Amino acid sequence: MKIEPVRSGGILPHLPAEDGGADREEALKKVEKARREVEKERLDIMDRHHETVKKSAETYDKLVKKKLLEEEIEKRRLLQREYLEERAEDARLRRKQGADRTD
């Protein structure tokens, strides 16, 4: 089944060249405006992305510093514990030597 377009029998009016130029300029302005809006949105997205990356980097730095500080604190506690154990052992030896001398 073939469908034929409806013909009104009339010829479409001719548009003057001046109107076509004005319409074209208006269309170009709209396209340029849309292009600027798209570019602005792209820049906004990039700015948000950079802020997110910056915040992530700052958070990561904080976590790394915190972990390093915790490791340093643990190392100091271990050294202090070893030092106190040595001091306690030295004190025991001195007491033992002092007790042996008095005997």
PDB file of N, CA and C in Angstrom:
ATOM      1  N   MET A   1       0.843  -1.156   0.000  1.00  0.00           N
ATOM      2  CA  MET A   1       0.000   0.000   0.000  1.00  0.00           C
ATOM      3  C   MET A   1       0.899   1.234   0.000  1.00  0.00           C
ATOM      4  N   LYS A   2       0.682   2.078  -0.930  1.00  0.00           N
ATOM      5  CA  LYS A   2       1.504   3.261  -1.082  1.00  0.00           C
ATOM      6  C   LYS A   2       0.734   4.473  -0.572  1.00  0.00           C
ATOM      7  N   ILE A   3       1.421   5.246   0.282  1.00  0.00           N
ATOM      8  CA  ILE A   3       0.794   6.453   0.821  1.00  0.00           C
ATOM      9  C   ILE A   3       1.402   7.648   0.114  1.00  0.00           C
ATOM     10  N   GLU A   4       0.535   8.441  -0.434  1.00  0.00           N
ATOM     11  CA  GLU A   4       1.012   9.630  -1.130  1.00  0.00           C
ATOM     12  C   GLU A   4       0.791  10.847  -0.243  1.00  0.00           C
ATOM     13  N   PRO A   5       1.731  11.783  -0.299  1.00  0.00           N
ATOM     14  CA  PRO A   5       1.576  12.981   0.529  1.00  0.00           C
ATOM     15  C   PRO A   5       0.389  13.815   0.065  1.00  0.00           C
ATOM     16  N   VAL A   6      -0.215  14.482   1.003  1.00  0.00           N
ATOM     17  CA  VAL A   6      -1.356  15.341   0.691  1.00  0.00           C
ATOM     18  C   VAL A   6      -0.820  16.611   0.060  1.00  0.00           C
ATOM     19  N   ARG A   7      -1.381  16.961  -1.063  1.00  0.00           N
ATOM     20  CA  ARG A   7      -0.952  18.186  -1.744  1.00  0.00           C
ATOM     21  C   ARG A   7      -2.085  19.195  -1.650  1.00  0.00           C
ATOM     22  N   SER A   8      -1.719  20.346  -1.211  1.00  0.00           N
ATOM     23  CA  SER A   8      -2.748  21.379  -1.084  1.00  0.00           C
ATOM     24  C   SER A   8      -2.997  22.074  -2.408  1.00  0.00           C
ATOM     25  N   GLY A   9      -2.145  21.799  -3.329  1.00  0.00           N
ATOM     26  CA  GLY A   9      -2.342  22.390  -4.634  1.00  0.00           C
ATOM     27  C   GLY A   9      -1.703  23.755  -4.755  1.00  0.00           C
ATOM     28  N   GLY A  10      -1.347  24.368  -3.637  1.00  0.00           N
ATOM     29  CA  GLY A  10      -0.744  25.689  -3.688  1.00  0.00           C
ATOM     30  C   GLY A  10       0.771  25.599  -3.606  1.00  0.00           C
ATOM     31  N   ILE A  11       1.395  26.610  -4.065  1.00  0.00           N
ATOM     32  CA  ILE A  11       2.849  26.679  -3.999  1.00  0.00           C
ATOM     33  C   ILE A  11       3.217  27.460  -2.745  1.00  0.00           C
ATOM     34  N   LEU A  12       4.238  26.990  -2.061  1.00  0.00           N
ATOM     35  CA  LEU A  12       4.677  27.683  -0.852  1.00  0.00           C
ATOM     36  C   LEU A  12       5.232  29.048  -1.219  1.00  0.00           C
ATOM     37  N   PRO A  13       4.944  30.040  -0.394  1.00  0.00           N
ATOM     38  CA  PRO A  13       5.449  31.381  -0.706  1.00  0.00           C
ATOM     39  C   PRO A  13       6.969  31.429  -0.587  1.00  0.00           C
ATOM     40  N   HIS A  14       7.545  32.253  -1.401  1.00  0.00           N
ATOM     41  CA  HIS A  14       8.989  32.421  -1.401  1.00  0.00           C
ATOM     42  C   HIS A  14       9.380  33.349  -0.256  1.00  0.00           C
ATOM     43  N   LEU A  15      10.387  32.912   0.525  1.00  0.00           N
ATOM     44  CA  LEU A  15      10.867  33.755   1.614  1.00  0.00           C
ATOM     45  C   LEU A  15      11.909  34.716   1.075  1.00  0.00           C
ATOM     46  N   PRO A  16      11.814  35.960   1.436  1.00  0.00           N
ATOM     47  CA  PRO A  16      12.828  36.904   0.970  1.00  0.00           C
ATOM     48  C   PRO A  16      14.191  36.568   1.569  1.00  0.00           C
ATOM     49  N   ALA A  17      15.238  36.905   0.870  1.00  0.00           N
ATOM     50  CA  ALA A  17      16.600  36.602   1.302  1.00  0.00           C
ATOM     51  C   ALA A  17      16.944  37.323   2.593  1.00  0.00           C
ATOM     52  N   GLU A  18      16.393  38.504   2.794  1.00  0.00           N
ATOM     53  CA  GLU A  18      16.686  39.266   4.004  1.00  0.00           C
ATOM     54  C   GLU A  18      16.197  38.527   5.242  1.00  0.00           C
ATOM     55  N   ASP A  19      15.002  38.009   5.193  1.00  0.00           N
ATOM     56  CA  ASP A  19      14.461  37.279   6.335  1.00  0.00           C
ATOM     57  C   ASP A  19      15.282  36.032   6.612  1.00  0.00           C
ATOM     58  N   GLY A  20      15.721  35.393   5.570  1.00  0.00           N
ATOM     59  CA  GLY A  20      16.552  34.200   5.738  1.00  0.00           C
ATOM     60  C   GLY A  20      17.858  34.542   6.434  1.00  0.00           C
ATOM     61  N   GLY A  21      18.434  35.673   6.103  1.00  0.00           N
ATOM     62  CA  GLY A  21      19.676  36.107   6.738  1.00  0.00           C
ATOM     63  C   GLY A  21      19.463  36.428   8.204  1.00  0.00           C
ATOM     64  N   ALA A  22      18.347  37.079   8.514  1.00  0.00           N
ATOM     65  CA  ALA A  22      18.047  37.418   9.906  1.00  0.00           C
ATOM     66  C   ALA A  22      17.797  36.147  10.706  1.00  0.00           C
ATOM     67  N   ASP A  23      17.059  35.217  10.106  1.00  0.00           N
ATOM     68  CA  ASP A  23      16.807  33.946  10.787  1.00  0.00           C
ATOM     69  C   ASP A  23      18.111  33.195  11.010  1.00  0.00           C
ATOM     70  N   ARG A  24      18.961  33.257  10.025  1.00  0.00           N
ATOM     71  CA  ARG A  24      20.247  32.559  10.144  1.00  0.00           C
ATOM     72  C   ARG A  24      21.089  33.178  11.260  1.00  0.00           C
ATOM     73  N   GLU A  25      21.113  34.520  11.317  1.00  0.00           N
ATOM     74  CA  GLU A  25      21.867  35.192  12.376  1.00  0.00           C
ATOM     75  C   GLU A  25      21.302  34.836  13.745  1.00  0.00           C
ATOM     76  N   GLU A  26      19.981  34.819  13.824  1.00  0.00           N
ATOM     77  CA  GLU A  26      19.340  34.465  15.091  1.00  0.00           C
ATOM     78  C   GLU A  26      19.675  33.021  15.472  1.00  0.00           C
ATOM     79  N   ALA A  27      19.652  32.140  14.493  1.00  0.00           N
ATOM     80  CA  ALA A  27      19.998  30.740  14.748  1.00  0.00           C
ATOM     81  C   ALA A  27      21.452  30.623  15.189  1.00  0.00           C
ATOM     82  N   LEU A  28      22.339  31.370  14.541  1.00  0.00           N
ATOM     83  CA  LEU A  28      23.755  31.343  14.936  1.00  0.00           C
ATOM     84  C   LEU A  28      23.941  31.869  16.356  1.00  0.00           C
ATOM     85  N   LYS A  29      23.179  32.910  16.710  1.00  0.00           N
ATOM     86  CA  LYS A  29      23.253  33.436  18.076  1.00  0.00           C
ATOM     87  C   LYS A  29      22.795  32.384  19.081  1.00  0.00           C
ATOM     88  N   LYS A  30      21.707  31.691  18.742  1.00  0.00           N
ATOM     89  CA  LYS A  30      21.204  30.640  19.634  1.00  0.00           C
ATOM     90  C   LYS A  30      22.220  29.514  19.780  1.00  0.00           C
ATOM     91  N   VAL A  31      22.830  29.149  18.654  1.00  0.00           N
ATOM     92  CA  VAL A  31      23.837  28.083  18.691  1.00  0.00           C
ATOM     93  C   VAL A  31      25.022  28.521  19.543  1.00  0.00           C
ATOM     94  N   GLU A  32      25.468  29.759  19.367  1.00  0.00           N
ATOM     95  CA  GLU A  32      26.602  30.272  20.143  1.00  0.00           C
ATOM     96  C   GLU A  32      26.251  30.333  21.630  1.00  0.00           C
ATOM     97  N   LYS A  33      25.030  30.756  21.932  1.00  0.00           N
ATOM     98  CA  LYS A  33      24.590  30.809  23.324  1.00  0.00           C
ATOM     99  C   LYS A  33      24.574  29.402  23.927  1.00  0.00           C
ATOM    100  N   ALA A  34      24.041  28.450  23.179  1.00  0.00           N
ATOM    101  CA  ALA A  34      24.007  27.062  23.653  1.00  0.00           C
ATOM    102  C   ALA A  34      25.423  26.535  23.845  1.00  0.00           C
ATOM    103  N   ARG A  35      26.315  26.882  22.921  1.00  0.00           N
ATOM    104  CA  ARG A  35      27.708  26.444  23.011  1.00  0.00           C
ATOM    105  C   ARG A  35      28.362  27.012  24.281  1.00  0.00           C
ATOM    106  N   ARG A  36      28.108  28.294  24.574  1.00  0.00           N
ATOM    107  CA  ARG A  36      28.653  28.920  25.788  1.00  0.00           C
ATOM    108  C   ARG A  36      28.105  28.245  27.044  1.00  0.00           C
ATOM    109  N   GLU A  37      26.807  27.936  27.031  1.00  0.00           N
ATOM    110  CA  GLU A  37      26.202  27.267  28.184  1.00  0.00           C
ATOM    111  C   GLU A  37      26.807  25.886  28.400  1.00  0.00           C
ATOM    112  N   VAL A  38      27.011  25.161  27.312  1.00  0.00           N
ATOM    113  CA  VAL A  38      27.622  23.830  27.416  1.00  0.00           C
ATOM    114  C   VAL A  38      29.048  23.956  27.947  1.00  0.00           C
ATOM    115  N   GLU A  39      29.794  24.929  27.450  1.00  0.00           N
ATOM    116  CA  GLU A  39      31.173  25.140  27.907  1.00  0.00           C
ATOM    117  C   GLU A  39      31.195  25.529  29.386  1.00  0.00           C
ATOM    118  N   LYS A  40      30.259  26.393  29.788  1.00  0.00           N
ATOM    119  CA  LYS A  40      30.172  26.790  31.199  1.00  0.00           C
ATOM    120  C   LYS A  40      29.867  25.576  32.071  1.00  0.00           C
ATOM    121  N   GLU A  41      28.935  24.764  31.650  1.00  0.00           N
ATOM    122  CA  GLU A  41      28.589  23.557  32.413  1.00  0.00           C
ATOM    123  C   GLU A  41      29.784  22.608  32.498  1.00  0.00           C
ATOM    124  N   ARG A  42      30.512  22.472  31.388  1.00  0.00           N
ATOM    125  CA  ARG A  42      31.702  21.615  31.378  1.00  0.00           C
ATOM    126  C   ARG A  42      32.742  22.134  32.366  1.00  0.00           C
ATOM    127  N   LEU A  43      32.950  23.446  32.374  1.00  0.00           N
ATOM    128  CA  LEU A  43      33.910  24.040  33.309  1.00  0.00           C
ATOM    129  C   LEU A  43      33.452  23.865  34.757  1.00  0.00           C
ATOM    130  N   ASP A  44      32.148  24.012  34.994  1.00  0.00           N
ATOM    131  CA  ASP A  44      31.617  23.791  36.341  1.00  0.00           C
ATOM    132  C   ASP A  44      31.851  22.353  36.788  1.00  0.00           C
ATOM    133  N   ILE A  45      31.615  21.416  35.892  1.00  0.00           N
ATOM    134  CA  ILE A  45      31.840  20.000  36.210  1.00  0.00           C
ATOM    135  C   ILE A  45      33.312  19.764  36.514  1.00  0.00           C
ATOM    136  N   MET A  46      34.187  20.349  35.709  1.00  0.00           N
ATOM    137  CA  MET A  46      35.622  20.190  35.944  1.00  0.00           C
ATOM    138  C   MET A  46      36.029  20.802  37.281  1.00  0.00           C
ATOM    139  N   ASP A  47      35.473  21.966  37.616  1.00  0.00           N
ATOM    140  CA  ASP A  47      35.778  22.604  38.898  1.00  0.00           C
ATOM    141  C   ASP A  47      35.339  21.717  40.060  1.00  0.00           C
ATOM    142  N   ARG A  48      34.130  21.167  39.966  1.00  0.00           N
ATOM    143  CA  ARG A  48      33.652  20.270  41.025  1.00  0.00           C
ATOM    144  C   ARG A  48      34.543  19.043  41.129  1.00  0.00           C
ATOM    145  N   HIS A  49      34.959  18.521  39.990  1.00  0.00           N
ATOM    146  CA  HIS A  49      35.839  17.349  39.988  1.00  0.00           C
ATOM    147  C   HIS A  49      37.170  17.684  40.663  1.00  0.00           C
ATOM    148  N   HIS A  50      37.736  18.842  40.319  1.00  0.00           N
ATOM    149  CA  HIS A  50      39.010  19.230  40.922  1.00  0.00           C
ATOM    150  C   HIS A  50      38.872  19.419  42.434  1.00  0.00           C
ATOM    151  N   GLU A  51      37.765  19.996  42.869  1.00  0.00           N
ATOM    152  CA  GLU A  51      37.532  20.159  44.304  1.00  0.00           C
ATOM    153  C   GLU A  51      37.428  18.795  44.988  1.00  0.00           C
ATOM    154  N   THR A  52      36.726  17.875  44.351  1.00  0.00           N
ATOM    155  CA  THR A  52      36.590  16.533  44.913  1.00  0.00           C
ATOM    156  C   THR A  52      37.944  15.847  45.004  1.00  0.00           C
ATOM    157  N   VAL A  53      38.738  15.956  43.950  1.00  0.00           N
ATOM    158  CA  VAL A  53      40.072  15.348  43.949  1.00  0.00           C
ATOM    159  C   VAL A  53      40.933  15.986  45.030  1.00  0.00           C
ATOM    160  N   LYS A  54      40.849  17.300  45.165  1.00  0.00           N
ATOM    161  CA  LYS A  54      41.638  18.014  46.176  1.00  0.00           C
ATOM    162  C   LYS A  54      41.249  17.548  47.581  1.00  0.00           C
ATOM    163  N   LYS A  55      39.952  17.446  47.837  1.00  0.00           N
ATOM    164  CA  LYS A  55      39.489  16.992  49.150  1.00  0.00           C
ATOM    165  C   LYS A  55      39.923  15.554  49.407  1.00  0.00           C
ATOM    166  N   SER A  56      39.858  14.720  48.387  1.00  0.00           N
ATOM    167  CA  SER A  56      40.291  13.330  48.539  1.00  0.00           C
ATOM    168  C   SER A  56      41.776  13.266  48.864  1.00  0.00           C
ATOM    169  N   ALA A  57      42.570  14.083  48.186  1.00  0.00           N
ATOM    170  CA  ALA A  57      44.013  14.105  48.441  1.00  0.00           C
ATOM    171  C   ALA A  57      44.295  14.585  49.859  1.00  0.00           C
ATOM    172  N   GLU A  58      43.569  15.605  50.309  1.00  0.00           N
ATOM    173  CA  GLU A  58      43.753  16.101  51.672  1.00  0.00           C
ATOM    174  C   GLU A  58      43.376  15.029  52.689  1.00  0.00           C
ATOM    175  N   THR A  59      42.274  14.350  52.448  1.00  0.00           N
ATOM    176  CA  THR A  59      41.845  13.279  53.350  1.00  0.00           C
ATOM    177  C   THR A  59      42.881  12.165  53.384  1.00  0.00           C
ATOM    178  N   TYR A  60      43.396  11.794  52.218  1.00  0.00           N
ATOM    179  CA  TYR A  60      44.414  10.750  52.143  1.00  0.00           C
ATOM    180  C   TYR A  60      45.667  11.181  52.904  1.00  0.00           C
ATOM    181  N   ASP A  61      46.086  12.434  52.726  1.00  0.00           N
ATOM    182  CA  ASP A  61      47.260  12.936  53.448  1.00  0.00           C
ATOM    183  C   ASP A  61      47.045  12.869  54.954  1.00  0.00           C
ATOM    184  N   LYS A  62      45.852  13.253  55.397  1.00  0.00           N
ATOM    185  CA  LYS A  62      45.551  13.198  56.826  1.00  0.00           C
ATOM    186  C   LYS A  62      45.626  11.762  57.336  1.00  0.00           C
ATOM    187  N   LEU A  63      45.070  10.830  56.575  1.00  0.00           N
ATOM    188  CA  LEU A  63      45.100   9.430  56.999  1.00  0.00           C
ATOM    189  C   LEU A  63      46.526   8.900  57.065  1.00  0.00           C
ATOM    190  N   VAL A  64      47.346   9.265  56.069  1.00  0.00           N
ATOM    191  CA  VAL A  64      48.741   8.811  56.054  1.00  0.00           C
ATOM    192  C   VAL A  64      49.488   9.394  57.243  1.00  0.00           C
ATOM    193  N   LYS A  65      49.311  10.691  57.499  1.00  0.00           N
ATOM    194  CA  LYS A  65      49.981  11.326  58.639  1.00  0.00           C
ATOM    195  C   LYS A  65      49.542  10.683  59.946  1.00  0.00           C
ATOM    196  N   LYS A  66      48.245  10.410  60.064  1.00  0.00           N
ATOM    197  CA  LYS A  66      47.730   9.783  61.280  1.00  0.00           C
ATOM    198  C   LYS A  66      48.353   8.408  61.472  1.00  0.00           C
ATOM    199  N   LYS A  67      48.437   7.638  60.394  1.00  0.00           N
ATOM    200  CA  LYS A  67      49.025   6.297  60.487  1.00  0.00           C
ATOM    201  C   LYS A  67      50.498   6.382  60.865  1.00  0.00           C
ATOM    202  N   LEU A  68      51.230   7.322  60.253  1.00  0.00           N
ATOM    203  CA  LEU A  68      52.646   7.485  60.588  1.00  0.00           C
ATOM    204  C   LEU A  68      52.821   7.895  62.046  1.00  0.00           C
ATOM    205  N   LEU A  69      51.966   8.791  62.529  1.00  0.00           N
ATOM    206  CA  LEU A  69      52.040   9.191  63.937  1.00  0.00           C
ATOM    207  C   LEU A  69      51.735   8.013  64.859  1.00  0.00           C
ATOM    208  N   GLU A  70      50.734   7.221  64.499  1.00  0.00           N
ATOM    209  CA  GLU A  70      50.411   6.047  65.314  1.00  0.00           C
ATOM    210  C   GLU A  70      51.580   5.070  65.349  1.00  0.00           C
ATOM    211  N   GLU A  71      52.230   4.871  64.201  1.00  0.00           N
ATOM    212  CA  GLU A  71      53.390   3.977  64.159  1.00  0.00           C
ATOM    213  C   GLU A  71      54.527   4.541  65.000  1.00  0.00           C
ATOM    214  N   GLU A  72      54.742   5.856  64.925  1.00  0.00           N
ATOM    215  CA  GLU A  72      55.800   6.499  65.719  1.00  0.00           C
ATOM    216  C   GLU A  72      55.499   6.365  67.211  1.00  0.00           C
ATOM    217  N   ILE A  73      54.248   6.575  67.590  1.00  0.00           N
ATOM    218  CA  ILE A  73      53.856   6.437  68.995  1.00  0.00           C
ATOM    219  C   ILE A  73      54.069   5.004  69.461  1.00  0.00           C
ATOM    220  N   GLU A  74      53.678   4.046  68.633  1.00  0.00           N
ATOM    221  CA  GLU A  74      53.858   2.638  68.998  1.00  0.00           C
ATOM    222  C   GLU A  74      55.339   2.304  69.148  1.00  0.00           C
ATOM    223  N   LYS A  75      56.158   2.845  68.244  1.00  0.00           N
ATOM    224  CA  LYS A  75      57.598   2.597  68.325  1.00  0.00           C
ATOM    225  C   LYS A  75      58.174   3.193  69.615  1.00  0.00           C
ATOM    226  N   ARG A  76      57.749   4.395  69.965  1.00  0.00           N
ATOM    227  CA  ARG A  76      58.222   5.032  71.203  1.00  0.00           C
ATOM    228  C   ARG A  76      57.772   4.246  72.428  1.00  0.00           C
ATOM    229  N   ARG A  77      56.547   3.762  72.415  1.00  0.00           N
ATOM    230  CA  ARG A  77      56.061   2.955  73.546  1.00  0.00           C
ATOM    231  C   ARG A  77      56.889   1.688  73.703  1.00  0.00           C
ATOM    232  N   LEU A  78      57.194   1.061  72.571  1.00  0.00           N
ATOM    233  CA  LEU A  78      58.010  -0.150  72.612  1.00  0.00           C
ATOM    234  C   LEU A  78      59.398   0.155  73.170  1.00  0.00           C
ATOM    235  N   LEU A  79      60.015   1.235  72.694  1.00  0.00           N
ATOM    236  CA  LEU A  79      61.335   1.617  73.211  1.00  0.00           C
ATOM    237  C   LEU A  79      61.270   1.952  74.699  1.00  0.00           C
ATOM    238  N   GLN A  80      60.218   2.651  75.105  1.00  0.00           N
ATOM    239  CA  GLN A  80      60.067   2.993  76.518  1.00  0.00           C
ATOM    240  C   GLN A  80      59.882   1.727  77.359  1.00  0.00           C
ATOM    241  N   ARG A  81      59.081   0.802  76.855  1.00  0.00           N
ATOM    242  CA  ARG A  81      58.865  -0.455  77.570  1.00  0.00           C
ATOM    243  C   ARG A  81      60.181  -1.220  77.715  1.00  0.00           C
ATOM    244  N   GLU A  82      60.951  -1.281  76.608  1.00  0.00           N
ATOM    245  CA  GLU A  82      62.247  -1.964  76.664  1.00  0.00           C
ATOM    246  C   GLU A  82      63.179  -1.267  77.646  1.00  0.00           C
ATOM    247  N   TYR A  83      63.189   0.063  77.643  1.00  0.00           N
ATOM    248  CA  TYR A  83      64.042   0.824  78.550  1.00  0.00           C
ATOM    249  C   TYR A  83      63.643   0.553  80.002  1.00  0.00           C
ATOM    250  N   LEU A  84      62.332   0.578  80.270  1.00  0.00           N
ATOM    251  CA  LEU A  84      61.870   0.328  81.636  1.00  0.00           C
ATOM    252  C   LEU A  84      62.185  -1.098  82.080  1.00  0.00           C
ATOM    253  N   GLU A  85      62.073  -2.053  81.163  1.00  0.00           N
ATOM    254  CA  GLU A  85      62.418  -3.434  81.505  1.00  0.00           C
ATOM    255  C   GLU A  85      63.904  -3.550  81.827  1.00  0.00           C
ATOM    256  N   GLU A  86      64.749  -2.869  81.035  1.00  0.00           N
ATOM    257  CA  GLU A  86      66.189  -2.885  81.305  1.00  0.00           C
ATOM    258  C   GLU A  86      66.489  -2.249  82.654  1.00  0.00           C
ATOM    259  N   ARG A  87      65.825  -1.101  82.934  1.00  0.00           N
ATOM    260  CA  ARG A  87      66.039  -0.426  84.225  1.00  0.00           C
ATOM    261  C   ARG A  87      65.585  -1.322  85.376  1.00  0.00           C
ATOM    262  N   ALA A  88      64.473  -2.016  85.207  1.00  0.00           N
ATOM    263  CA  ALA A  88      63.982  -2.907  86.262  1.00  0.00           C
ATOM    264  C   ALA A  88      64.959  -4.064  86.450  1.00  0.00           C
ATOM    265  N   GLU A  89      65.484  -4.593  85.350  1.00  0.00           N
ATOM    266  CA  GLU A  89      66.456  -5.688  85.434  1.00  0.00           C
ATOM    267  C   GLU A  89      67.734  -5.207  86.120  1.00  0.00           C
ATOM    268  N   ASP A  90      68.202  -4.019  85.765  1.00  0.00           N
ATOM    269  CA  ASP A  90      69.391  -3.451  86.422  1.00  0.00           C
ATOM    270  C   ASP A  90      69.143  -3.265  87.911  1.00  0.00           C
ATOM    271  N   ALA A  91      67.971  -2.801  88.281  1.00  0.00           N
ATOM    272  CA  ALA A  91      67.641  -2.597  89.693  1.00  0.00           C
ATOM    273  C   ALA A  91      67.623  -3.931  90.427  1.00  0.00           C
ATOM    274  N   ARG A  92      67.085  -4.967  89.791  1.00  0.00           N
ATOM    275  CA  ARG A  92      67.083  -6.300  90.418  1.00  0.00           C
ATOM    276  C   ARG A  92      68.510  -6.801  90.628  1.00  0.00           C
ATOM    277  N   LEU A  93      69.337  -6.600  89.596  1.00  0.00           N
ATOM    278  CA  LEU A  93      70.728  -7.044  89.722  1.00  0.00           C
ATOM    279  C   LEU A  93      71.442  -6.289  90.838  1.00  0.00           C
ATOM    280  N   ARG A  94      71.221  -4.990  90.953  1.00  0.00           N
ATOM    281  CA  ARG A  94      71.863  -4.216  92.024  1.00  0.00           C
ATOM    282  C   ARG A  94      71.373  -4.662  93.394  1.00  0.00           C
ATOM    283  N   ARG A  95      70.082  -4.921  93.492  1.00  0.00           N
ATOM    284  CA  ARG A  95      69.562  -5.403  94.782  1.00  0.00           C
ATOM    285  C   ARG A  95      70.146  -6.761  95.132  1.00  0.00           C
ATOM    286  N   LYS A  96      70.235  -7.596  94.090  1.00  0.00           N
ATOM    287  CA  LYS A  96      70.792  -8.930  94.317  1.00  0.00           C
ATOM    288  C   LYS A  96      72.259  -8.818  94.725  1.00  0.00           C
ATOM    289  N   GLN A  97      73.005  -7.945  94.036  1.00  0.00           N
ATOM    290  CA  GLN A  97      74.415  -7.762  94.378  1.00  0.00           C
ATOM    291  C   GLN A  97      74.550  -7.153  95.767  1.00  0.00           C
ATOM    292  N   GLY A  98      73.664  -6.234  96.101  1.00  0.00           N
ATOM    293  CA  GLY A  98      73.685  -5.624  97.438  1.00  0.00           C
ATOM    294  C   GLY A  98      73.346  -6.657  98.495  1.00  0.00           C
ATOM    295  N   ALA A  99      72.425  -7.552  98.191  1.00  0.00           N
ATOM    296  CA  ALA A  99      72.045  -8.596  99.147  1.00  0.00           C
ATOM    297  C   ALA A  99      73.177  -9.599  99.296  1.00  0.00           C
ATOM    298  N   ASP A 100      73.875  -9.898  98.190  1.00  0.00           N
ATOM    299  CA  ASP A 100      74.994 -10.843  98.252  1.00  0.00           C
ATOM    300  C   ASP A 100      76.144 -10.263  99.061  1.00  0.00           C
ATOM    301  N   ARG A 101      76.370  -8.985  98.989  1.00  0.00           N
ATOM    302  CA  ARG A 101      77.460  -8.352  99.740  1.00  0.00           C
ATOM    303  C   ARG A 101      77.174  -8.364 101.229  1.00  0.00           C
ATOM    304  N   THR A 102      75.930  -8.183 101.586  1.00  0.00           N
ATOM    305  CA  THR A 102      75.594  -8.162 103.011  1.00  0.00           C
ATOM    306  C   THR A 102      75.622  -9.552 103.618  1.00  0.00           C
ATOM    307  N   ASP A 103      75.566 -10.567 102.810  1.00  0.00           N
ATOM    308  CA  ASP A 103      75.584 -11.943 103.352  1.00  0.00           C
ATOM    309  C   ASP A 103      76.928 -12.365 103.705  1.00  0.00           C
TER     310      ASP A 103
END
